[in-house]
C-alpha atoms as a PDB file:
ATOM      1  CA  UNK A   1     -11.970  84.906  76.171  1.00  0.00           C
ATOM      2  CA  UNK A   2     -10.157  86.480  73.172  1.00  0.00           C
ATOM      3  CA  UNK A   3     -12.394  88.893  71.176  1.00  0.00           C
ATOM      4  CA  UNK A   4     -12.633  88.580  67.505  1.00  0.00           C
ATOM      5  CA  UNK A   5     -10.349  91.458  66.656  1.00  0.00           C
ATOM      6  CA  UNK A   6      -7.601  89.994  68.684  1.00  0.00           C
ATOM      7  CA  UNK A   7      -8.157  86.527  67.186  1.00  0.00           C
ATOM      8  CA  UNK A   8      -8.018  87.888  63.584  1.00  0.00           C
ATOM      9  CA  UNK A   9      -4.757  89.637  64.493  1.00  0.00           C
ATOM     10  CA  UNK A  10      -3.349  86.499  66.003  1.00  0.00           C
ATOM     11  CA  UNK A  11      -3.979  84.481  62.773  1.00  0.00           C
ATOM     12  CA  UNK A  12      -2.994  87.153  60.466  1.00  0.00           C
ATOM     13  CA  UNK A  13       0.005  86.153  58.257  1.00  0.00           C
ATOM     14  CA  UNK A  14       2.913  88.656  57.724  1.00  0.00           C
ATOM     15  CA  UNK A  15       4.394  89.253  54.331  1.00  0.00           C
ATOM     16  CA  UNK A  16       7.508  87.369  55.288  1.00  0.00           C
ATOM     17  CA  UNK A  17       5.280  84.263  56.173  1.00  0.00           C
ATOM     18  CA  UNK A  18       3.496  84.540  52.860  1.00  0.00           C
ATOM     19  CA  UNK A  19       6.809  84.797  51.078  1.00  0.00           C
ATOM     20  CA  UNK A  20       8.397  81.824  52.865  1.00  0.00           C
ATOM     21  CA  UNK A  21       5.272  79.827  52.289  1.00  0.00           C
ATOM     22  CA  UNK A  22       5.387  80.549  48.473  1.00  0.00           C
ATOM     23  CA  UNK A  23       8.946  79.408  48.253  1.00  0.00           C
ATOM     24  CA  UNK A  24       8.168  76.310  50.240  1.00  0.00           C
ATOM     25  CA  UNK A  25       5.317  75.408  47.947  1.00  0.00           C
ATOM     26  CA  UNK A  26       7.319  75.962  44.679  1.00  0.00           C
ATOM     27  CA  UNK A  27      10.363  74.030  45.996  1.00  0.00           C
ATOM     28  CA  UNK A  28       8.176  71.174  47.220  1.00  0.00           C
ATOM     29  CA  UNK A  29       6.301  70.863  43.905  1.00  0.00           C
ATOM     30  CA  UNK A  30       9.561  71.017  41.796  1.00  0.00           C
ATOM     31  CA  UNK A  31      11.254  68.578  44.157  1.00  0.00           C
ATOM     32  CA  UNK A  32       8.522  65.997  44.167  1.00  0.00           C
ATOM     33  CA  UNK A  33       7.917  66.120  40.450  1.00  0.00           C
ATOM     34  CA  UNK A  34      11.621  65.803  40.024  1.00  0.00           C
ATOM     35  CA  UNK A  35      11.801  62.754  42.297  1.00  0.00           C
ATOM     36  CA  UNK A  36       8.775  61.233  40.462  1.00  0.00           C
ATOM     37  CA  UNK A  37      10.802  61.586  37.339  1.00  0.00           C
ATOM     38  CA  UNK A  38      14.315  60.566  38.495  1.00  0.00           C
ATOM     39  CA  UNK A  39      13.410  58.277  41.326  1.00  0.00           C
ATOM     40  CA  UNK A  40      15.756  57.292  44.243  1.00  0.00           C
ATOM     41  CA  UNK A  41      18.030  54.864  42.228  1.00  0.00           C
ATOM     42  CA  UNK A  42      20.863  57.144  41.453  1.00  0.00           C
ATOM     43  CA  UNK A  43      22.255  59.885  43.635  1.00  0.00           C
ATOM     44  CA  UNK A  44      25.088  60.531  41.139  1.00  0.00           C
ATOM     45  CA  UNK A  45      25.262  62.820  38.263  1.00  0.00           C
ATOM     46  CA  UNK A  46      22.288  63.071  35.719  1.00  0.00           C
ATOM     47  CA  UNK A  47      22.053  60.571  32.884  1.00  0.00           C
ATOM     48  CA  UNK A  48      23.685  61.408  29.492  1.00  0.00           C
ATOM     49  CA  UNK A  49      20.297  62.353  28.086  1.00  0.00           C
ATOM     50  CA  UNK A  50      19.644  64.873  30.721  1.00  0.00           C
ATOM     51  CA  UNK A  51      16.607  66.015  28.823  1.00  0.00           C
ATOM     52  CA  UNK A  52      14.766  63.112  30.270  1.00  0.00           C
ATOM     53  CA  UNK A  53      15.173  64.638  33.798  1.00  0.00           C
ATOM     54  CA  UNK A  54      13.941  68.011  33.100  1.00  0.00           C
ATOM     55  CA  UNK A  55      10.894  69.026  35.142  1.00  0.00           C
ATOM     56  CA  UNK A  56       9.153  72.245  34.476  1.00  0.00           C
ATOM     57  CA  UNK A  57      12.459  73.394  32.553  1.00  0.00           C
ATOM     58  CA  UNK A  58      14.591  72.475  35.669  1.00  0.00           C
ATOM     59  CA  UNK A  59      17.015  69.606  35.211  1.00  0.00           C
ATOM     60  CA  UNK A  60      18.578  67.907  38.138  1.00  0.00           C
ATOM     61  CA  UNK A  61      19.583  64.737  39.910  1.00  0.00           C
ATOM     62  CA  UNK A  62      18.002  62.886  42.732  1.00  0.00           C
ATOM     63  CA  UNK A  63      20.195  64.797  45.097  1.00  0.00           C
ATOM     64  CA  UNK A  64      18.898  68.241  43.905  1.00  0.00           C
ATOM     65  CA  UNK A  65      15.462  67.077  43.928  1.00  0.00           C
ATOM     66  CA  UNK A  66      15.952  65.855  47.585  1.00  0.00           C
ATOM     67  CA  UNK A  67      17.455  69.220  48.434  1.00  0.00           C
ATOM     68  CA  UNK A  68      14.517  71.070  46.914  1.00  0.00           C
ATOM     69  CA  UNK A  69      11.972  68.873  49.045  1.00  0.00           C
ATOM     70  CA  UNK A  70      13.925  69.402  52.253  1.00  0.00           C
ATOM     71  CA  UNK A  71      14.260  73.210  51.761  1.00  0.00           C
ATOM     72  CA  UNK A  72      10.650  73.447  50.789  1.00  0.00           C
ATOM     73  CA  UNK A  73       9.375  71.457  53.719  1.00  0.00           C
ATOM     74  CA  UNK A  74      11.718  73.691  55.930  1.00  0.00           C
ATOM     75  CA  UNK A  75      10.225  76.899  54.424  1.00  0.00           C
ATOM     76  CA  UNK A  76       6.703  75.828  55.068  1.00  0.00           C
ATOM     77  CA  UNK A  77       7.408  74.663  58.584  1.00  0.00           C
ATOM     78  CA  UNK A  78       9.049  78.025  59.309  1.00  0.00           C
ATOM     79  CA  UNK A  79       6.265  79.855  57.619  1.00  0.00           C
ATOM     80  CA  UNK A  80       3.804  78.498  60.048  1.00  0.00           C
ATOM     81  CA  UNK A  81       4.844  80.880  62.786  1.00  0.00           C
ATOM     82  CA  UNK A  82       5.877  84.479  62.919  1.00  0.00           C
ATOM     83  CA  UNK A  83       8.731  83.846  65.290  1.00  0.00           C
ATOM     84  CA  UNK A  84      10.303  80.903  62.918  1.00  0.00           C
ATOM     85  CA  UNK A  85      10.045  82.802  59.552  1.00  0.00           C
ATOM     86  CA  UNK A  86      13.240  84.654  60.310  1.00  0.00           C
ATOM     87  CA  UNK A  87      15.073  81.387  60.830  1.00  0.00           C
ATOM     88  CA  UNK A  88      14.024  80.408  57.227  1.00  0.00           C
ATOM     89  CA  UNK A  89      15.360  83.740  56.009  1.00  0.00           C
ATOM     90  CA  UNK A  90      18.724  83.177  57.643  1.00  0.00           C
ATOM     91  CA  UNK A  91      19.126  79.465  56.884  1.00  0.00           C
ATOM     92  CA  UNK A  92      17.508  79.872  53.560  1.00  0.00           C
ATOM     93  CA  UNK A  93      19.832  82.753  52.588  1.00  0.00           C
ATOM     94  CA  UNK A  94      22.864  80.573  53.398  1.00  0.00           C
ATOM     95  CA  UNK A  95      21.463  77.463  51.650  1.00  0.00           C
ATOM     96  CA  UNK A  96      20.468  79.339  48.276  1.00  0.00           C
ATOM     97  CA  UNK A  97      23.687  81.285  48.358  1.00  0.00           C
ATOM     98  CA  UNK A  98      25.651  77.928  48.512  1.00  0.00           C
ATOM     99  CA  UNK A  99      23.386  76.335  45.766  1.00  0.00           C
ATOM    100  CA  UNK A 100      23.784  79.493  43.575  1.00  0.00           C
ATOM    101  CA  UNK A 101      27.652  79.588  43.957  1.00  0.00           C
ATOM    102  CA  UNK A 102      27.698  75.836  43.143  1.00  0.00           C
ATOM    103  CA  UNK A 103      25.390  76.249  40.146  1.00  0.00           C
ATOM    104  CA  UNK A 104      27.600  79.146  38.821  1.00  0.00           C
ATOM    105  CA  UNK A 105      30.810  77.287  39.163  1.00  0.00           C
ATOM    106  CA  UNK A 106      29.406  74.108  37.613  1.00  0.00           C
ATOM    107  CA  UNK A 107      27.909  75.851  34.716  1.00  0.00           C
ATOM    108  CA  UNK A 108      30.994  77.982  33.978  1.00  0.00           C
ATOM    109  CA  UNK A 109      33.217  74.917  34.078  1.00  0.00           C
ATOM    110  CA  UNK A 110      30.723  72.708  32.258  1.00  0.00           C
ATOM    111  CA  UNK A 111      31.442  69.862  34.700  1.00  0.00           C
ATOM    112  CA  UNK A 112      30.749  66.468  33.304  1.00  0.00           C
ATOM    113  CA  UNK A 113      29.372  64.196  36.070  1.00  0.00           C
ATOM    114  CA  UNK A 114      28.064  67.019  38.108  1.00  0.00           C
ATOM    115  CA  UNK A 115      26.299  65.473  41.203  1.00  0.00           C
ATOM    116  CA  UNK A 116      23.396  67.999  41.237  1.00  0.00           C
ATOM    117  CA  UNK A 117      22.919  68.113  37.540  1.00  0.00           C
ATOM    118  CA  UNK A 118      22.522  71.820  37.432  1.00  0.00           C
ATOM    119  CA  UNK A 119      20.912  73.784  34.548  1.00  0.00           C
ATOM    120  CA  UNK A 120      20.566  77.416  33.847  1.00  0.00           C
ATOM    121  CA  UNK A 121      16.754  77.283  35.000  1.00  0.00           C
ATOM    122  CA  UNK A 122      17.859  75.667  38.374  1.00  0.00           C
ATOM    123  CA  UNK A 123      20.329  78.602  38.765  1.00  0.00           C
ATOM    124  CA  UNK A 124      17.475  81.162  38.097  1.00  0.00           C
ATOM    125  CA  UNK A 125      15.268  79.397  40.680  1.00  0.00           C
ATOM    126  CA  UNK A 126      18.008  79.486  43.468  1.00  0.00           C
ATOM    127  CA  UNK A 127      18.836  83.119  42.704  1.00  0.00           C
ATOM    128  CA  UNK A 128      15.127  83.912  43.123  1.00  0.00           C
ATOM    129  CA  UNK A 129      14.852  81.974  46.206  1.00  0.00           C
ATOM    130  CA  UNK A 130      17.966  83.592  47.620  1.00  0.00           C
ATOM    131  CA  UNK A 131      16.355  87.062  46.887  1.00  0.00           C
ATOM    132  CA  UNK A 132      13.145  86.029  48.556  1.00  0.00           C
ATOM    133  CA  UNK A 133      14.934  84.431  51.651  1.00  0.00           C
ATOM    134  CA  UNK A 134      16.994  87.698  52.043  1.00  0.00           C
ATOM    135  CA  UNK A 135      13.783  89.828  51.826  1.00  0.00           C
ATOM    136  CA  UNK A 136      12.264  87.612  54.466  1.00  0.00           C
ATOM    137  CA  UNK A 137      15.185  88.340  56.902  1.00  0.00           C
ATOM    138  CA  UNK A 138      14.320  92.159  56.459  1.00  0.00           C
ATOM    139  CA  UNK A 139      10.480  91.770  56.382  1.00  0.00           C
ATOM    140  CA  UNK A 140      10.430  89.655  59.564  1.00  0.00           C
ATOM    141  CA  UNK A 141      10.462  90.887  63.240  1.00  0.00           C
ATOM    142  CA  UNK A 142      13.685  91.330  64.650  1.00  0.00           C
ATOM    143  CA  UNK A 143      14.414  89.542  67.968  1.00  0.00           C
ATOM    144  CA  UNK A 144      13.771  91.839  70.977  1.00  0.00           C
ATOM    145  CA  UNK A 145      11.942  94.346  68.739  1.00  0.00           C
ATOM    146  CA  UNK A 146       9.017  96.435  69.865  1.00  0.00           C
ATOM    147  CA  UNK A 147       6.558  93.890  68.620  1.00  0.00           C
ATOM    148  CA  UNK A 148       7.922  91.057  70.805  1.00  0.00           C
ATOM    149  CA  UNK A 149       6.542  90.801  74.371  1.00  0.00           C
END
């Protein structure tokens, strides 16, 4: 039988897990609200009146909202275990780096018909998530480290 001290230590969340869960919740909320607004009908660029598709200051198409939902669900799944949170840090860093690079290029070129419908607030969100995902890599236990049995 496990005593109470060991049980509390086993259920204690690490800072990396808390950070991954926070990113997951934010992305899921933004993605779901965006999907409620845009629907599933158009996977192309945002409509001409892109102000109609702005959720909490974040514009985007159905494709971007689906990406937020998938990345948010992945972050929450990985945050549920101390061993999986590093996976979110690595995969999340790559995904948010790609989204950030795409956002920058799209915003600089002013691409009409952008399939993700990026806006400056979305770029800021992706940069913030990139920073958090990078921090999760460094905050999480390293494989084969002293904390691993």
